[in-house]
Amino acid sequence: MSLTLDQVHRIAHLARLDISAAEAEKTRNELNDIFDLIEQMQAVDTRGVEPMAHAQDVAQRLRQDVVTESDQRDAFQKVAPEVEAGLYLVPKVIE
């Protein structure tokens, strides 16, 4: 698939971009290069290739899910400007 200059100008118009003829030509060439790369990638036979989440076969080290800090909510709320029912009250910004 390759784009024409008319198509590039139409895309620019839809995107509300004002581009010159030189910019349109450059953009057309860049987009056509991208489309060529996509066609090359789609031409590769990937049947039998297992999808992978990472390029290397690595695993995360796991740790125990334990609480390591004490609950300091009351101490933090004592210094807050306004608190109600355990929630921080902030000024209204949207009228």
Protein backbone atom coordinates (compact mmCIF):
# COMPACT_ATOMS: atom_id res chain seq x y z
CA MET A 1 0.00 0.00 0.00
CA SER A 2 1.34 3.41 -0.84
CA LEU A 3 -0.17 6.83 -0.39
CA THR A 4 -0.54 9.52 -3.00
CA LEU A 5 0.04 13.21 -2.38
CA ASP A 6 -3.72 13.79 -2.56
CA GLN A 7 -4.24 11.27 0.23
CA VAL A 8 -1.54 12.91 2.36
CA HIS A 9 -3.17 16.32 1.86
CA ARG A 10 -6.57 14.82 2.77
CA ILE A 11 -5.14 13.28 5.95
CA ALA A 12 -3.52 16.61 6.82
CA HIS A 13 -6.84 18.38 6.23
CA LEU A 14 -8.68 15.91 8.47
CA ALA A 15 -6.03 16.42 11.15
CA ARG A 16 -6.39 20.18 10.72
CA LEU A 17 -2.73 20.51 9.66
CA ASP A 18 -1.50 23.04 7.14
CA ILE A 19 1.46 21.48 5.37
CA SER A 20 3.46 22.69 2.40
CA ALA A 21 4.05 20.68 -0.75
CA ALA A 22 7.58 19.81 0.42
CA GLU A 23 6.29 18.63 3.80
CA ALA A 24 3.59 16.58 2.09
CA GLU A 25 6.16 14.90 -0.14
CA LYS A 26 8.43 14.13 2.82
CA THR A 27 5.50 12.83 4.86
CA ARG A 28 4.30 10.67 1.96
CA ASN A 29 7.76 9.09 1.64
CA GLU A 30 7.99 8.45 5.39
CA LEU A 31 4.51 6.94 5.57
CA ASN A 32 5.17 4.75 2.52
CA ASP A 33 8.40 3.52 4.18
CA ILE A 34 6.38 2.59 7.26
CA PHE A 35 3.79 0.77 5.15
CA ASP A 36 6.56 -1.11 3.34
CA LEU A 37 8.00 -2.24 6.67
CA ILE A 38 4.56 -3.40 7.81
CA GLU A 39 4.13 -5.40 4.61
CA GLN A 40 7.50 -7.04 5.14
CA MET A 41 6.59 -7.95 8.71
CA GLN A 42 3.22 -9.35 7.63
CA ALA A 43 4.91 -11.49 4.97
CA VAL A 44 6.89 -13.43 7.60
CA ASP A 45 5.43 -16.86 8.37
CA THR A 46 4.86 -16.91 12.13
CA ARG A 47 2.87 -20.13 12.35
CA GLY A 48 4.24 -22.26 15.14
CA VAL A 49 5.94 -19.34 16.86
CA GLU A 50 4.77 -19.01 20.43
CA PRO A 51 3.92 -15.45 21.48
CA MET A 52 6.13 -14.09 24.21
CA ALA A 53 5.78 -11.28 26.69
CA HIS A 54 9.51 -10.55 26.87
CA ALA A 55 12.47 -11.02 24.56
CA GLN A 56 14.32 -13.02 27.21
CA ASP A 57 13.04 -15.88 29.32
CA VAL A 58 13.21 -14.16 32.69
CA ALA A 59 11.17 -14.40 35.86
CA GLN A 60 10.65 -11.89 38.62
CA ARG A 61 11.95 -12.69 42.05
CA LEU A 62 9.00 -13.03 44.38
CA ARG A 63 8.87 -11.91 47.98
CA GLN A 64 6.43 -12.44 50.77
CA ASP A 65 3.52 -10.01 50.77
CA VAL A 66 3.86 -8.71 54.32
CA VAL A 67 3.18 -5.32 55.90
CA THR A 68 6.46 -3.58 56.69
CA GLU A 69 5.22 -0.20 57.93
CA SER A 70 2.88 0.75 60.73
CA ASP A 71 -0.46 2.52 60.23
CA GLN A 72 0.21 6.28 60.62
CA ARG A 73 -3.07 7.55 59.24
CA ASP A 74 -4.15 9.24 62.47
CA ALA A 75 -0.79 11.04 62.78
CA PHE A 76 -1.01 12.28 59.21
CA GLN A 77 -4.60 13.43 59.60
CA LYS A 78 -3.78 15.39 62.75
CA VAL A 79 -1.63 17.78 60.71
CA ALA A 80 -4.06 18.00 57.77
CA PRO A 81 -5.99 21.28 57.40
CA GLU A 82 -9.41 19.58 57.27
CA VAL A 83 -10.48 15.99 57.86
CA GLU A 84 -13.91 14.42 58.10
CA ALA A 85 -14.79 10.76 58.68
CA GLY A 86 -11.22 9.69 57.95
CA LEU A 87 -11.09 11.59 54.63
CA TYR A 88 -9.03 14.63 53.65
CA LEU A 89 -11.19 17.61 52.69
CA VAL A 90 -9.90 19.81 49.88
CA PRO A 91 -11.22 23.08 48.44
CA LYS A 92 -13.71 22.86 45.59
CA VAL A 93 -12.00 23.63 42.27
CA ILE A 94 -14.83 23.13 39.79
CA GLU A 95 -17.80 25.40 40.13
